[in-house]
PDB file of N, CA and C in Angstrom:
ATOM      1  N   MET A   1      47.834  98.504 102.849  1.00  0.00           N
ATOM      2  CA  MET A   1      47.352  99.344 101.766  1.00  0.00           C
ATOM      3  C   MET A   1      47.578  98.685 100.408  1.00  0.00           C
ATOM      4  N   SER A   2      47.430  97.382 100.339  1.00  0.00           N
ATOM      5  CA  SER A   2      47.714  96.704  99.064  1.00  0.00           C
ATOM      6  C   SER A   2      46.430  96.500  98.255  1.00  0.00           C
ATOM      7  N   ALA A   3      45.295  96.922  98.735  1.00  0.00           N
ATOM      8  CA  ALA A   3      44.047  96.750  97.949  1.00  0.00           C
ATOM      9  C   ALA A   3      44.057  97.660  96.737  1.00  0.00           C
ATOM     10  N   GLN A   4      43.795  97.093  95.614  1.00  0.00           N
ATOM     11  CA  GLN A   4      43.730  97.848  94.353  1.00  0.00           C
ATOM     12  C   GLN A   4      42.313  98.290  94.108  1.00  0.00           C
ATOM     13  N   PRO A   5      42.119  99.472  93.483  1.00  0.00           N
ATOM     14  CA  PRO A   5      40.768  99.870  93.178  1.00  0.00           C
ATOM     15  C   PRO A   5      40.203  98.935  92.077  1.00  0.00           C
ATOM     16  N   PRO A   6      38.865  98.812  92.042  1.00  0.00           N
ATOM     17  CA  PRO A   6      38.306  97.974  90.996  1.00  0.00           C
ATOM     18  C   PRO A   6      38.466  98.616  89.631  1.00  0.00           C
ATOM     19  N   PRO A   7      38.436  97.816  88.592  1.00  0.00           N
ATOM     20  CA  PRO A   7      38.541  98.368  87.217  1.00  0.00           C
ATOM     21  C   PRO A   7      37.456  99.475  87.011  1.00  0.00           C
ATOM     22  N   PRO A   8      37.734 100.391  86.071  1.00  0.00           N
ATOM     23  CA  PRO A   8      36.757 101.493  85.839  1.00  0.00           C
ATOM     24  C   PRO A   8      35.326 101.012  85.561  1.00  0.00           C
ATOM     25  N   SER A   9      35.170  99.937  84.836  1.00  0.00           N
ATOM     26  CA  SER A   9      33.836  99.456  84.532  1.00  0.00           C
ATOM     27  C   SER A   9      33.080  99.046  85.792  1.00  0.00           C
ATOM     28  N   GLN A  10      33.789  98.441  86.740  1.00  0.00           N
ATOM     29  CA  GLN A  10      33.168  98.109  88.032  1.00  0.00           C
ATOM     30  C   GLN A  10      32.951  99.295  88.883  1.00  0.00           C
ATOM     31  N   THR A  11      33.859 100.210  88.854  1.00  0.00           N
ATOM     32  CA  THR A  11      33.774 101.440  89.653  1.00  0.00           C
ATOM     33  C   THR A  11      32.536 102.241  89.266  1.00  0.00           C
ATOM     34  N   ALA A  12      32.269 102.372  88.013  1.00  0.00           N
ATOM     35  CA  ALA A  12      31.088 103.144  87.606  1.00  0.00           C
ATOM     36  C   ALA A  12      29.801 102.518  88.069  1.00  0.00           C
ATOM     37  N   SER A  13      29.736 101.215  88.217  1.00  0.00           N
ATOM     38  CA  SER A  13      28.517 100.551  88.675  1.00  0.00           C
ATOM     39  C   SER A  13      28.334 100.781  90.166  1.00  0.00           C
ATOM     40  N   LEU A  14      29.338 101.267  90.891  1.00  0.00           N
ATOM     41  CA  LEU A  14      29.215 101.501  92.327  1.00  0.00           C
ATOM     42  C   LEU A  14      28.513 102.827  92.631  1.00  0.00           C
ATOM     43  N   ILE A  15      28.487 103.728  91.664  1.00  0.00           N
ATOM     44  CA  ILE A  15      27.981 105.079  91.827  1.00  0.00           C
ATOM     45  C   ILE A  15      26.485 105.074  91.478  1.00  0.00           C
ATOM     46  N   PRO A  16      25.637 105.479  92.431  1.00  0.00           N
ATOM     47  CA  PRO A  16      24.227 105.591  92.102  1.00  0.00           C
ATOM     48  C   PRO A  16      23.935 106.545  90.953  1.00  0.00           C
ATOM     49  N   ARG A  17      23.072 106.153  90.061  1.00  0.00           N
ATOM     50  CA  ARG A  17      22.799 107.005  88.875  1.00  0.00           C
ATOM     51  C   ARG A  17      21.624 107.926  89.128  1.00  0.00           C
ATOM     52  N   HIS A  18      20.967 107.812  90.310  1.00  0.00           N
ATOM     53  CA  HIS A  18      19.774 108.610  90.575  1.00  0.00           C
ATOM     54  C   HIS A  18      20.095 109.908  91.348  1.00  0.00           C
ATOM     55  N   TRP A  19      21.394 110.139  91.740  1.00  0.00           N
ATOM     56  CA  TRP A  19      21.707 111.348  92.449  1.00  0.00           C
ATOM     57  C   TRP A  19      21.559 112.584  91.571  1.00  0.00           C
ATOM     58  N   THR A  20      21.165 113.655  92.221  1.00  0.00           N
ATOM     59  CA  THR A  20      21.215 114.929  91.516  1.00  0.00           C
ATOM     60  C   THR A  20      22.650 115.416  91.449  1.00  0.00           C
ATOM     61  N   PRO A  21      22.924 116.390  90.541  1.00  0.00           N
ATOM     62  CA  PRO A  21      24.284 116.955  90.522  1.00  0.00           C
ATOM     63  C   PRO A  21      24.705 117.531  91.901  1.00  0.00           C
ATOM     64  N   GLU A  22      23.768 118.080  92.618  1.00  0.00           N
ATOM     65  CA  GLU A  22      24.054 118.665  93.926  1.00  0.00           C
ATOM     66  C   GLU A  22      24.431 117.574  94.911  1.00  0.00           C
ATOM     67  N   GLN A  23      23.741 116.456  94.866  1.00  0.00           N
ATOM     68  CA  GLN A  23      24.098 115.361  95.728  1.00  0.00           C
ATOM     69  C   GLN A  23      25.464 114.750  95.434  1.00  0.00           C
ATOM     70  N   ALA A  24      25.732 114.614  94.121  1.00  0.00           N
ATOM     71  CA  ALA A  24      27.058 114.153  93.716  1.00  0.00           C
ATOM     72  C   ALA A  24      28.123 115.082  94.151  1.00  0.00           C
ATOM     73  N   LEU A  25      27.906 116.368  94.039  1.00  0.00           N
ATOM     74  CA  LEU A  25      28.883 117.333  94.460  1.00  0.00           C
ATOM     75  C   LEU A  25      29.112 117.270  95.991  1.00  0.00           C
ATOM     76  N   ALA A  26      28.052 117.054  96.760  1.00  0.00           N
ATOM     77  CA  ALA A  26      28.141 116.970  98.184  1.00  0.00           C
ATOM     78  C   ALA A  26      29.003 115.773  98.581  1.00  0.00           C
ATOM     79  N   VAL A  27      28.776 114.645  97.915  1.00  0.00           N
ATOM     80  CA  VAL A  27      29.644 113.427  98.188  1.00  0.00           C
ATOM     81  C   VAL A  27      31.061 113.710  97.772  1.00  0.00           C
ATOM     82  N   PHE A  28      31.250 114.297  96.632  1.00  0.00           N
ATOM     83  CA  PHE A  28      32.579 114.638  96.186  1.00  0.00           C
ATOM     84  C   PHE A  28      33.314 115.539  97.192  1.00  0.00           C
ATOM     85  N   GLU A  29      32.648 116.566  97.675  1.00  0.00           N
ATOM     86  CA  GLU A  29      33.280 117.461  98.669  1.00  0.00           C
ATOM     87  C   GLU A  29      33.544 116.773  99.953  1.00  0.00           C
ATOM     88  N   CYS A  30      32.709 115.859 100.378  1.00  0.00           N
ATOM     89  CA  CYS A  30      32.896 115.069 101.594  1.00  0.00           C
ATOM     90  C   CYS A  30      34.125 114.200 101.458  1.00  0.00           C
ATOM     91  N   LEU A  31      34.235 113.524 100.309  1.00  0.00           N
ATOM     92  CA  LEU A  31      35.380 112.679 100.034  1.00  0.00           C
ATOM     93  C   LEU A  31      36.683 113.486 100.008  1.00  0.00           C
ATOM     94  N   GLN A  32      36.619 114.672  99.398  1.00  0.00           N
ATOM     95  CA  GLN A  32      37.768 115.515  99.295  1.00  0.00           C
ATOM     96  C   GLN A  32      38.221 115.954 100.684  1.00  0.00           C
ATOM     97  N   ALA A  33      37.292 116.301 101.560  1.00  0.00           N
ATOM     98  CA  ALA A  33      37.611 116.720 102.915  1.00  0.00           C
ATOM     99  C   ALA A  33      38.206 115.492 103.684  1.00  0.00           C
ATOM    100  N   LEU A  34      37.681 114.336 103.500  1.00  0.00           N
ATOM    101  CA  LEU A  34      38.255 113.125 104.118  1.00  0.00           C
ATOM    102  C   LEU A  34      39.663 112.854 103.599  1.00  0.00           C
ATOM    103  N   ARG A  35      39.875 113.039 102.307  1.00  0.00           N
ATOM    104  CA  ARG A  35      41.200 112.850 101.708  1.00  0.00           C
ATOM    105  C   ARG A  35      42.210 113.831 102.326  1.00  0.00           C
ATOM    106  N   GLN A  36      41.782 115.070 102.438  1.00  0.00           N
ATOM    107  CA  GLN A  36      42.696 116.107 103.062  1.00  0.00           C
ATOM    108  C   GLN A  36      42.997 115.765 104.513  1.00  0.00           C
ATOM    109  N   ALA A  37      42.006 115.340 105.260  1.00  0.00           N
ATOM    110  CA  ALA A  37      42.177 114.996 106.697  1.00  0.00           C
ATOM    111  C   ALA A  37      43.132 113.786 106.787  1.00  0.00           C
ATOM    112  N   LEU A  38      42.937 112.805 105.899  1.00  0.00           N
ATOM    113  CA  LEU A  38      43.853 111.607 105.984  1.00  0.00           C
ATOM    114  C   LEU A  38      45.257 112.034 105.617  1.00  0.00           C
ATOM    115  N   TRP A  39      45.410 112.881 104.574  1.00  0.00           N
ATOM    116  CA  TRP A  39      46.730 113.352 104.207  1.00  0.00           C
ATOM    117  C   TRP A  39      47.424 114.126 105.320  1.00  0.00           C
ATOM    118  N   SER A  40      46.648 114.963 106.009  1.00  0.00           N
ATOM    119  CA  SER A  40      47.191 115.724 107.190  1.00  0.00           C
ATOM    120  C   SER A  40      47.674 114.783 108.290  1.00  0.00           C
ATOM    121  N   ALA A  41      46.902 113.724 108.514  1.00  0.00           N
ATOM    122  CA  ALA A  41      47.223 112.812 109.613  1.00  0.00           C
ATOM    123  C   ALA A  41      48.269 111.750 109.228  1.00  0.00           C
ATOM    124  N   TYR A  42      48.290 111.357 107.973  1.00  0.00           N
ATOM    125  CA  TYR A  42      49.106 110.207 107.550  1.00  0.00           C
ATOM    126  C   TYR A  42      49.948 110.440 106.292  1.00  0.00           C
ATOM    127  N   GLY A  43      50.119 111.693 105.874  1.00  0.00           N
ATOM    128  CA  GLY A  43      50.828 111.965 104.640  1.00  0.00           C
ATOM    129  C   GLY A  43      52.114 111.272 104.487  1.00  0.00           C
ATOM    130  N   PRO A  44      53.097 111.396 105.420  1.00  0.00           N
ATOM    131  CA  PRO A  44      54.364 110.718 105.230  1.00  0.00           C
ATOM    132  C   PRO A  44      54.258 109.178 105.174  1.00  0.00           C
ATOM    133  N   GLN A  45      53.379 108.634 106.012  1.00  0.00           N
ATOM    134  CA  GLN A  45      53.208 107.180 105.967  1.00  0.00           C
ATOM    135  C   GLN A  45      52.575 106.725 104.665  1.00  0.00           C
ATOM    136  N   VAL A  46      51.659 107.497 104.116  1.00  0.00           N
ATOM    137  CA  VAL A  46      51.076 107.209 102.844  1.00  0.00           C
ATOM    138  C   VAL A  46      52.130 107.211 101.713  1.00  0.00           C
ATOM    139  N   GLN A  47      52.981 108.270 101.747  1.00  0.00           N
ATOM    140  CA  GLN A  47      54.019 108.371 100.733  1.00  0.00           C
ATOM    141  C   GLN A  47      54.955 107.163 100.842  1.00  0.00           C
ATOM    142  N   GLN A  48      55.310 106.753 102.064  1.00  0.00           N
ATOM    143  CA  GLN A  48      56.210 105.624 102.216  1.00  0.00           C
ATOM    144  C   GLN A  48      55.486 104.332 101.678  1.00  0.00           C
ATOM    145  N   ALA A  49      54.244 104.190 101.993  1.00  0.00           N
ATOM    146  CA  ALA A  49      53.556 102.983 101.499  1.00  0.00           C
ATOM    147  C   ALA A  49      53.502 103.008  99.944  1.00  0.00           C
ATOM    148  N   TRP A  50      53.314 104.133  99.303  1.00  0.00           N
ATOM    149  CA  TRP A  50      53.343 104.192  97.886  1.00  0.00           C
ATOM    150  C   TRP A  50      54.740 103.771  97.364  1.00  0.00           C
ATOM    151  N   ARG A  51      55.769 104.284  97.995  1.00  0.00           N
ATOM    152  CA  ARG A  51      57.170 103.937  97.591  1.00  0.00           C
ATOM    153  C   ARG A  51      57.365 102.426  97.700  1.00  0.00           C
ATOM    154  N   GLU A  52      56.895 101.835  98.775  1.00  0.00           N
ATOM    155  CA  GLU A  52      57.102 100.405  99.005  1.00  0.00           C
ATOM    156  C   GLU A  52      56.331  99.609  97.956  1.00  0.00           C
ATOM    157  N   GLN A  53      55.253 100.101  97.486  1.00  0.00           N
ATOM    158  CA  GLN A  53      54.447  99.399  96.450  1.00  0.00           C
ATOM    159  C   GLN A  53      55.161  99.495  95.124  1.00  0.00           C
ATOM    160  N   LEU A  54      55.887 100.586  94.888  1.00  0.00           N
ATOM    161  CA  LEU A  54      56.545 100.793  93.618  1.00  0.00           C
ATOM    162  C   LEU A  54      57.893  99.978  93.522  1.00  0.00           C
ATOM    163  N   VAL A  55      58.498  99.650  94.636  1.00  0.00           N
ATOM    164  CA  VAL A  55      59.779  98.989  94.662  1.00  0.00           C
ATOM    165  C   VAL A  55      59.513  97.498  94.446  1.00  0.00           C
ATOM    166  N   HIS A  56      60.233  96.915  93.420  1.00  0.00           N
ATOM    167  CA  HIS A  56      60.115  95.536  93.105  1.00  0.00           C
ATOM    168  C   HIS A  56      60.917  94.725  94.107  1.00  0.00           C
ATOM    169  N   ASP A  57      60.421  93.563  94.454  1.00  0.00           N
ATOM    170  CA  ASP A  57      61.150  92.634  95.290  1.00  0.00           C
ATOM    171  C   ASP A  57      62.294  92.020  94.450  1.00  0.00           C
ATOM    172  N   GLY A  58      63.377  91.734  95.108  1.00  0.00           N
ATOM    173  CA  GLY A  58      64.482  91.088  94.416  1.00  0.00           C
ATOM    174  C   GLY A  58      65.575  92.058  94.110  1.00  0.00           C
ATOM    175  N   GLN A  59      66.644  91.548  93.497  1.00  0.00           N
ATOM    176  CA  GLN A  59      67.790  92.368  93.152  1.00  0.00           C
ATOM    177  C   GLN A  59      67.541  93.125  91.891  1.00  0.00           C
ATOM    178  N   PRO A  60      68.145  94.330  91.832  1.00  0.00           N
ATOM    179  CA  PRO A  60      68.070  95.051  90.564  1.00  0.00           C
ATOM    180  C   PRO A  60      68.877  94.337  89.483  1.00  0.00           C
ATOM    181  N   PRO A  61      68.611  94.602  88.222  1.00  0.00           N
ATOM    182  CA  PRO A  61      69.322  93.961  87.141  1.00  0.00           C
ATOM    183  C   PRO A  61      70.775  94.347  87.168  1.00  0.00           C
ATOM    184  N   HIS A  62      71.634  93.477  86.639  1.00  0.00           N
ATOM    185  CA  HIS A  62      73.078  93.746  86.576  1.00  0.00           C
ATOM    186  C   HIS A  62      73.337  94.936  85.650  1.00  0.00           C
ATOM    187  N   PHE A  63      74.182  95.849  86.113  1.00  0.00           N
ATOM    188  CA  PHE A  63      74.503  97.004  85.315  1.00  0.00           C
ATOM    189  C   PHE A  63      75.992  97.012  85.012  1.00  0.00           C
ATOM    190  N   ASP A  64      76.301  97.042  83.732  1.00  0.00           N
ATOM    191  CA  ASP A  64      77.724  97.133  83.340  1.00  0.00           C
ATOM    192  C   ASP A  64      77.870  98.469  82.628  1.00  0.00           C
ATOM    193  N   PRO A  65      78.586  99.450  83.249  1.00  0.00           N
ATOM    194  CA  PRO A  65      78.729 100.764  82.635  1.00  0.00           C
ATOM    195  C   PRO A  65      79.488 100.701  81.281  1.00  0.00           C
ATOM    196  N   ASP A  66      80.220  99.639  81.020  1.00  0.00           N
ATOM    197  CA  ASP A  66      81.020  99.547  79.782  1.00  0.00           C
ATOM    198  C   ASP A  66      80.177  98.922  78.672  1.00  0.00           C
ATOM    199  N   GLU A  67      79.013  98.375  78.979  1.00  0.00           N
ATOM    200  CA  GLU A  67      78.221  97.733  77.952  1.00  0.00           C
ATOM    201  C   GLU A  67      77.450  98.775  77.131  1.00  0.00           C
ATOM    202  N   PRO A  68      77.528  98.675  75.815  1.00  0.00           N
ATOM    203  CA  PRO A  68      76.764  99.675  75.009  1.00  0.00           C
ATOM    204  C   PRO A  68      75.293  99.510  75.139  1.00  0.00           C
ATOM    205  N   PHE A  69      74.615 100.520  74.734  1.00  0.00           N
ATOM    206  CA  PHE A  69      73.129 100.511  74.844  1.00  0.00           C
ATOM    207  C   PHE A  69      72.593  99.531  73.832  1.00  0.00           C
TER     208      PHE A  69
END
């Protein structure tokens, strides 16, 4: 799950501009249903993958509680 979404300018070019609002809503609803189904099936694994992406590799910086801010 390391693939990053394209930048917004590229994302906008992926969406057909000829759809009616009803067609766009139908696609949105389909994607929402797919999202919910994926979350139901893989929610904890998705959360763990997000956590792993947020954690930096390497050691945390040295912390000295006596050092002033």
